[in-house]
Amino acid sequence: MSISALKEVLPAYAKDTKLNLGSVTTTSSLTDQQLWGAMLACALAARSGRVIAEVSEEAARNLSEEAFTAAKAAASIMAMNNVYYRATHLIGDETYGTLPAKLRMTVIGNPGVDKADFELWCLAVSAINGCGRCLESHEQVLRGSGLPREQIQEALRVAAVVAATAATLEAEAALVAV
């Protein structure tokens, strides 16, 4: 069980996804914690059982227990926040943006790992979930903490590749079931 196993089961038509999966996991400028936390959070956000199983096993070898838990927390909190903040933005009435969310989200303030790493994982999950407001917010925090754009881009690449892997494998499973 590993990234290699995911690459092996991707169909021939997904060659670009397969190559990109190898690339984001072997040539990243992110630290191991940043990379594997992003991989795990994105796998959870992409909701593919196969991708979650393969990525979580490899992430467990590359993350501390605290970082593994924090990556899961990033996926969980952003599942809630992305829906809420995307909806308040899409309604088009800026008044909703001034109202208190009244949603508990203390894990963002105390994630148990480096705050910038957690913010990076939240940004990556927000890319998968399509929340522009959250992407802007997390990018600003990351830039304010000194993270260069190239590393933020790396997290977005991870999100894109994990999402494509999950979509492809779920589609293939559905086609087999037909």
Protein backbone atom coordinates (compact mmCIF):
# COMPACT_ATOMS: atom_id res chain seq x y z
CA MET A 1 0.00 0.00 0.00
CA SER A 2 1.58 3.23 -1.14
CA ILE A 3 1.77 5.94 -3.74
CA SER A 4 3.34 3.32 -6.01
CA ALA A 5 0.20 1.20 -5.63
CA LEU A 6 -1.96 4.17 -6.66
CA LYS A 7 0.22 4.79 -9.69
CA GLU A 8 -0.08 1.14 -10.69
CA VAL A 9 -3.89 1.15 -10.65
CA LEU A 10 -4.33 4.38 -12.57
CA PRO A 11 -5.50 3.54 -16.12
CA ALA A 12 -3.37 4.30 -19.18
CA TYR A 13 -5.49 7.30 -20.12
CA ALA A 14 -4.49 8.91 -16.80
CA LYS A 15 -0.76 8.80 -17.57
CA ASP A 16 -0.38 12.52 -16.79
CA THR A 17 -2.01 12.03 -13.39
CA LYS A 18 0.26 9.05 -12.70
CA LEU A 19 3.39 11.03 -13.61
CA ASN A 20 2.24 14.05 -11.61
CA LEU A 21 1.53 11.85 -8.57
CA GLY A 22 5.11 10.65 -8.69
CA SER A 23 6.42 14.14 -9.21
CA VAL A 24 4.57 15.85 -6.35
CA THR A 25 5.68 13.17 -3.90
CA THR A 26 9.34 13.00 -4.93
CA THR A 27 10.41 16.47 -6.10
CA SER A 28 8.51 18.76 -3.74
CA SER A 29 10.14 21.77 -2.11
CA LEU A 30 7.85 21.25 0.90
CA THR A 31 9.13 19.67 4.09
CA ASP A 32 8.08 16.05 4.66
CA GLN A 33 5.55 17.22 7.24
CA GLN A 34 4.10 19.83 4.89
CA LEU A 35 3.95 17.41 1.96
CA TRP A 36 2.51 14.37 3.73
CA GLY A 37 0.11 16.44 5.81
CA ALA A 38 -1.18 17.99 2.59
CA MET A 39 -1.37 14.59 0.90
CA LEU A 40 -3.38 13.14 3.80
CA ALA A 41 -5.71 16.14 4.21
CA CYS A 42 -6.35 16.19 0.45
CA ALA A 43 -6.98 12.46 0.28
CA LEU A 44 -9.59 12.81 3.02
CA ALA A 45 -11.15 15.82 1.26
CA ALA A 46 -11.28 13.92 -2.04
CA ARG A 47 -13.31 11.18 -0.32
CA SER A 48 -11.98 8.19 -2.23
CA GLY A 49 -11.58 5.16 0.00
CA ARG A 50 -8.78 3.75 -2.14
CA VAL A 51 -6.83 7.01 -2.16
CA ILE A 52 -7.37 7.50 1.58
CA ALA A 53 -6.11 3.99 2.32
CA GLU A 54 -2.98 4.28 0.19
CA VAL A 55 -2.05 7.84 1.15
CA SER A 56 -2.78 7.41 4.86
CA GLU A 57 -0.49 4.42 5.10
CA GLU A 58 2.40 6.28 3.51
CA ALA A 59 1.59 9.48 5.44
CA ALA A 60 1.75 7.52 8.71
CA ARG A 61 5.35 6.62 7.89
CA ASN A 62 6.25 10.26 7.24
CA LEU A 63 4.31 12.14 9.92
CA SER A 64 4.35 12.21 13.69
CA GLU A 65 1.16 11.12 15.40
CA GLU A 66 0.40 14.77 16.16
CA ALA A 67 0.88 15.83 12.53
CA PHE A 68 -1.23 12.92 11.27
CA THR A 69 -4.05 13.97 13.60
CA ALA A 70 -3.66 17.64 12.63
CA ALA A 71 -3.91 16.79 8.92
CA LYS A 72 -7.16 14.94 9.61
CA ALA A 73 -8.37 17.94 11.61
CA ALA A 74 -7.55 20.25 8.68
CA ALA A 75 -9.71 18.14 6.36
CA SER A 76 -12.52 18.06 8.90
CA ILE A 77 -12.62 21.73 9.82
CA MET A 78 -12.35 22.82 6.21
CA ALA A 79 -15.20 20.50 5.20
CA MET A 80 -17.35 22.67 7.44
CA ASN A 81 -15.75 26.05 6.80
CA ASN A 82 -15.58 25.66 3.03
CA VAL A 83 -19.32 25.02 2.82
CA TYR A 84 -20.17 27.92 5.11
CA TYR A 85 -17.82 30.55 3.69
CA ARG A 86 -18.37 29.53 0.06
CA ALA A 87 -22.14 29.82 0.60
CA THR A 88 -21.97 33.22 2.30
CA HIS A 89 -19.81 34.46 -0.57
CA LEU A 90 -21.99 32.97 -3.34
CA ILE A 91 -25.18 34.47 -1.94
CA GLY A 92 -23.82 37.82 -3.08
CA ASP A 93 -25.02 39.82 -0.09
CA GLU A 94 -21.92 41.07 1.74
CA THR A 95 -23.95 41.41 4.93
CA TYR A 96 -23.52 37.66 5.48
CA GLY A 97 -19.76 38.20 5.62
CA THR A 98 -20.19 40.59 8.54
CA LEU A 99 -22.33 38.23 10.62
CA PRO A 100 -20.55 35.99 13.15
CA ALA A 101 -20.22 32.44 11.85
CA LYS A 102 -21.03 30.94 15.27
CA LEU A 103 -19.15 27.80 14.28
CA ARG A 104 -16.57 26.33 16.62
CA MET A 105 -13.15 26.20 14.93
CA THR A 106 -10.60 26.33 17.74
CA VAL A 107 -8.36 23.76 16.03
CA ILE A 108 -7.25 26.48 13.62
CA GLY A 109 -5.78 28.45 16.51
CA ASN A 110 -4.22 25.42 18.20
CA PRO A 111 -3.66 22.64 15.65
CA GLY A 112 -0.92 20.79 17.52
CA VAL A 113 1.64 21.39 14.75
CA ASP A 114 3.35 24.38 13.22
CA LYS A 115 0.61 26.89 12.39
CA ALA A 116 1.94 27.51 8.87
CA ASP A 117 1.86 23.78 8.08
CA PHE A 118 -1.75 23.54 9.25
CA GLU A 119 -2.70 26.64 7.23
CA LEU A 120 -1.05 25.07 4.17
CA TRP A 121 -3.15 21.93 4.59
CA CYS A 122 -6.29 24.04 5.02
CA LEU A 123 -5.45 25.90 1.82
CA ALA A 124 -4.98 22.64 -0.10
CA VAL A 125 -8.30 21.25 1.16
CA SER A 126 -10.00 24.55 0.28
CA ALA A 127 -8.74 24.16 -3.28
CA ILE A 128 -10.38 20.73 -3.52
CA ASN A 129 -13.59 22.03 -1.96
CA GLY A 130 -13.62 25.13 -4.16
CA CYS A 131 -13.89 27.86 -1.54
CA GLY A 132 -12.41 31.08 -2.85
CA ARG A 133 -12.89 32.99 0.37
CA CYS A 134 -10.97 30.33 2.35
CA LEU A 135 -8.24 30.15 -0.30
CA GLU A 136 -7.72 33.91 -0.05
CA SER A 137 -7.72 33.86 3.73
CA HIS A 138 -5.25 30.97 4.13
CA GLU A 139 -2.97 32.32 1.38
CA GLN A 140 -2.76 35.68 3.17
CA VAL A 141 -1.89 34.00 6.48
CA LEU A 142 0.76 31.86 4.77
CA ARG A 143 2.32 34.80 2.95
CA GLY A 144 2.27 36.76 6.22
CA SER A 145 4.16 33.94 7.92
CA GLY A 146 6.86 34.12 5.26
CA LEU A 147 5.97 31.11 3.14
CA PRO A 148 6.95 31.80 -0.47
CA ARG A 149 4.41 31.57 -3.29
CA GLU A 150 6.28 28.60 -4.76
CA GLN A 151 5.59 26.50 -1.67
CA ILE A 152 1.94 27.58 -1.62
CA GLN A 153 1.79 26.54 -5.27
CA GLU A 154 3.25 23.14 -4.29
CA ALA A 155 0.32 22.58 -1.93
CA LEU A 156 -2.09 23.49 -4.74
CA ARG A 157 -0.33 21.01 -7.02
CA VAL A 158 -0.74 18.32 -4.36
CA ALA A 159 -4.45 19.13 -4.10
CA ALA A 160 -4.90 18.98 -7.87
CA VAL A 161 -3.10 15.67 -8.28
CA VAL A 162 -4.76 13.97 -5.31
CA ALA A 163 -8.18 15.16 -6.51
CA ALA A 164 -7.49 13.89 -10.04
CA THR A 165 -6.29 10.54 -8.71
CA ALA A 166 -9.41 10.17 -6.57
CA ALA A 167 -11.76 11.22 -9.39
CA THR A 168 -10.16 8.81 -11.84
CA LEU A 169 -10.20 5.82 -9.49
CA GLU A 170 -13.77 6.48 -8.34
CA ALA A 171 -14.90 6.81 -11.96
CA GLU A 172 -13.19 3.55 -12.88
CA ALA A 173 -14.84 1.77 -9.95
CA ALA A 174 -18.23 3.12 -11.02
CA LEU A 175 -17.68 1.98 -14.60
CA VAL A 176 -16.83 -1.54 -13.43
CA ALA A 177 -20.04 -1.60 -11.36
CA VAL A 178 -22.19 -0.69 -14.35
